Amino acid sequence: MDRVPRWFERKFDFSFPIELHPNLCARLRGTPARLEELLQIPGQVLVRKRGDKWSIQEHAGHLLDLEFLWTARVDDYASNKTELTVADLSNRKTHEARHNDRPVAEILAEFRKARLQLVSRVEQLDSAPFGSTRLHPRLKQPMRLVDHLYFVAEHDDHHLARIWELIRED
């Protein structure tokens, strides 16, 4: 099993306690540093396309592109919505963003800033939303806020693993 599983084929078990939310916040806070470390490679490797698949830099840009969705979903918990904000499953924003034409340092700086804002927003909430559920529109299953944080961290790790895969292929 040496290939990263496809994201949309993943199944999630959210049976862990809500008390794990500080651990998940630490994991989320650490993603920018892990991404920055991974991307310390030559620029031509960062932007190399393999067919119609994203380049390493486009994977990094995709993480940035989704920060607005993750924050919107945190706000869904805070405002007691019944269903989480729907994602654009076609990833149109990433496909149209032209991340390969931008300096990687700019993408990384924007991602770090957006991610720290996300974690700060979560840490400002009282404890009530962490255990209350909202329906995830694609998974069609209830998710607590702590589950959402886990989902985001797993999505981060999915793309970091995919980047590692692309680096090894080079």
Protein backbone atom coordinates (compact mmCIF):
# COMPACT_ATOMS: atom_id res chain seq x y z
CA MET A 1 0.00 0.00 0.00
CA ASP A 2 2.28 2.71 -1.24
CA ARG A 3 -0.22 5.08 -2.87
CA VAL A 4 -2.16 7.79 -1.07
CA PRO A 5 -5.86 6.76 -1.05
CA ARG A 6 -8.23 8.98 -3.00
CA TRP A 7 -9.81 11.60 -0.72
CA PHE A 8 -13.39 11.07 -1.83
CA GLU A 9 -13.10 7.35 -1.09
CA ARG A 10 -12.15 7.92 2.55
CA LYS A 11 -14.50 6.87 5.35
CA PHE A 12 -14.34 8.55 8.74
CA ASP A 13 -14.94 7.29 12.26
CA PHE A 14 -15.76 10.13 14.62
CA SER A 15 -16.04 8.10 17.82
CA PHE A 16 -13.27 9.89 19.73
CA PRO A 17 -13.95 12.21 22.71
CA ILE A 18 -14.43 15.97 22.30
CA GLU A 19 -11.57 16.47 24.74
CA LEU A 20 -9.20 15.85 21.81
CA HIS A 21 -9.92 19.31 20.39
CA PRO A 22 -6.68 20.86 21.81
CA ASN A 23 -4.67 18.09 20.13
CA LEU A 24 -6.45 18.72 16.85
CA CYS A 25 -5.86 22.48 17.12
CA ALA A 26 -2.15 21.76 17.65
CA ARG A 27 -2.13 19.53 14.60
CA LEU A 28 -3.86 22.21 12.50
CA ARG A 29 -1.52 24.89 13.78
CA GLY A 30 1.46 22.77 12.72
CA THR A 31 0.41 22.20 9.12
CA PRO A 32 1.95 25.42 7.73
CA ALA A 33 5.37 24.50 9.16
CA ARG A 34 5.17 20.96 7.78
CA LEU A 35 4.15 22.30 4.37
CA GLU A 36 6.96 24.87 4.37
CA GLU A 37 9.46 22.13 5.21
CA LEU A 38 8.22 19.92 2.38
CA LEU A 39 8.42 22.69 -0.19
CA GLN A 40 12.13 23.38 0.32
CA ILE A 41 12.83 21.95 -3.14
CA PRO A 42 13.77 23.49 -6.50
CA GLY A 43 11.10 25.65 -8.13
CA GLN A 44 10.93 23.55 -11.29
CA VAL A 45 10.01 20.53 -9.17
CA LEU A 46 7.30 22.50 -7.35
CA VAL A 47 5.45 23.43 -10.54
CA ARG A 48 6.00 20.25 -12.58
CA LYS A 49 2.71 18.91 -13.90
CA ARG A 50 2.13 15.20 -14.37
CA GLY A 51 -0.60 14.97 -16.97
CA ASP A 52 -3.78 16.62 -15.72
CA LYS A 53 -2.84 16.14 -12.04
CA TRP A 54 -1.93 19.02 -9.74
CA SER A 55 1.67 20.02 -9.23
CA ILE A 56 3.18 20.12 -5.75
CA GLN A 57 2.63 23.89 -5.64
CA GLU A 58 -1.00 23.47 -6.71
CA HIS A 59 -1.55 21.05 -3.81
CA ALA A 60 -0.18 23.77 -1.50
CA GLY A 61 -2.44 26.34 -3.13
CA HIS A 62 -5.41 24.01 -2.71
CA LEU A 63 -4.82 23.93 1.05
CA LEU A 64 -4.96 27.74 1.01
CA ASP A 65 -8.06 27.76 -1.20
CA LEU A 66 -10.02 25.66 1.30
CA GLU A 67 -9.35 27.81 4.36
CA PHE A 68 -12.45 29.90 3.58
CA LEU A 69 -14.57 26.71 3.62
CA TRP A 70 -13.12 25.45 6.90
CA THR A 71 -13.76 28.85 8.51
CA ALA A 72 -17.29 29.00 7.09
CA ARG A 73 -17.98 25.62 8.65
CA VAL A 74 -16.66 26.74 12.03
CA ASP A 75 -19.06 29.67 11.71
CA ASP A 76 -21.86 27.19 10.91
CA TYR A 77 -21.29 25.63 14.33
CA ALA A 78 -21.13 29.00 16.06
CA SER A 79 -24.39 30.17 14.44
CA ASN A 80 -26.28 26.90 15.03
CA LYS A 81 -26.90 26.05 11.38
CA THR A 82 -28.22 22.54 10.83
CA GLU A 83 -25.98 21.69 7.86
CA LEU A 84 -22.39 22.59 7.09
CA THR A 85 -21.49 24.86 4.18
CA VAL A 86 -21.29 22.89 0.94
CA ALA A 87 -17.88 22.47 -0.70
CA ASP A 88 -17.26 22.89 -4.42
CA LEU A 89 -16.38 19.28 -5.16
CA SER A 90 -14.96 20.22 -8.57
CA ASN A 91 -12.25 22.30 -6.86
CA ARG A 92 -12.84 25.05 -9.40
CA LYS A 93 -11.06 27.65 -7.29
CA THR A 94 -7.84 25.63 -7.32
CA HIS A 95 -8.09 24.82 -11.03
CA GLU A 96 -8.54 28.51 -11.89
CA ALA A 97 -6.11 30.03 -9.37
CA ARG A 98 -2.93 29.65 -11.44
CA HIS A 99 -0.94 28.75 -8.32
CA ASN A 100 2.05 27.73 -10.44
CA ASP A 101 2.37 31.36 -11.61
CA ARG A 102 2.67 32.69 -8.06
CA PRO A 103 5.73 32.74 -5.82
CA VAL A 104 5.53 29.73 -3.50
CA ALA A 105 6.53 31.96 -0.57
CA GLU A 106 3.36 34.01 -1.13
CA ILE A 107 1.15 30.91 -1.05
CA LEU A 108 2.86 29.66 2.10
CA ALA A 109 2.57 33.03 3.88
CA GLU A 110 -1.12 33.36 3.00
CA PHE A 111 -1.79 29.79 4.11
CA ARG A 112 -0.01 30.32 7.43
CA LYS A 113 -1.99 33.51 8.07
CA ALA A 114 -5.34 31.94 7.13
CA ARG A 115 -4.68 28.79 9.17
CA LEU A 116 -3.72 30.72 12.29
CA GLN A 117 -6.92 32.75 11.89
CA LEU A 118 -8.92 29.51 11.64
CA VAL A 119 -7.39 28.06 14.80
CA SER A 120 -7.83 31.38 16.60
CA ARG A 121 -11.51 31.42 15.61
CA VAL A 122 -11.96 27.90 16.99
CA GLU A 123 -10.19 28.78 20.23
CA GLN A 124 -12.51 31.78 20.76
CA LEU A 125 -15.60 29.56 20.87
CA ASP A 126 -17.14 28.37 24.10
CA SER A 127 -17.34 24.62 24.66
CA ALA A 128 -20.94 24.10 23.44
CA PRO A 129 -20.26 23.78 19.68
CA PHE A 130 -17.55 21.15 20.16
CA GLY A 131 -20.10 18.46 20.99
CA SER A 132 -23.08 19.63 18.94
CA THR A 133 -23.58 18.13 15.49
CA ARG A 134 -24.19 19.49 12.00
CA LEU A 135 -24.84 17.43 8.89
CA HIS A 136 -21.85 17.12 6.57
CA PRO A 137 -23.33 17.64 3.07
CA ARG A 138 -21.14 15.13 1.18
CA LEU A 139 -20.65 12.45 3.84
CA LYS A 140 -24.32 12.67 4.88
CA GLN A 141 -23.37 12.06 8.48
CA PRO A 142 -23.51 14.24 11.57
CA MET A 143 -20.26 15.88 12.60
CA ARG A 144 -19.34 17.60 15.83
CA LEU A 145 -17.02 20.59 15.65
CA VAL A 146 -14.23 18.37 16.97
CA ASP A 147 -14.97 15.98 14.08
CA HIS A 148 -14.72 18.86 11.64
CA LEU A 149 -11.28 19.73 13.04
CA TYR A 150 -10.22 16.11 12.59
CA PHE A 151 -11.58 16.14 9.03
CA VAL A 152 -9.55 19.27 8.21
CA ALA A 153 -6.40 17.77 9.75
CA GLU A 154 -6.90 14.57 7.76
CA HIS A 155 -7.41 16.61 4.58
CA ASP A 156 -4.16 18.45 5.31
CA ASP A 157 -2.34 15.16 5.82
CA HIS A 158 -3.84 13.74 2.63
CA HIS A 159 -2.29 16.57 0.59
CA LEU A 160 1.00 16.47 2.49
CA ALA A 161 1.21 12.73 1.77
CA ARG A 162 0.39 13.38 -1.89
CA ILE A 163 3.16 16.00 -2.03
CA TRP A 164 5.60 13.45 -0.54
CA GLU A 165 4.49 11.02 -3.22
CA LEU A 166 5.18 13.57 -5.96
CA ILE A 167 8.59 14.41 -4.50
CA ARG A 168 9.53 10.71 -4.43
CA GLU A 169 8.39 10.31 -8.05
CA ASP A 170 10.67 13.12 -9.19
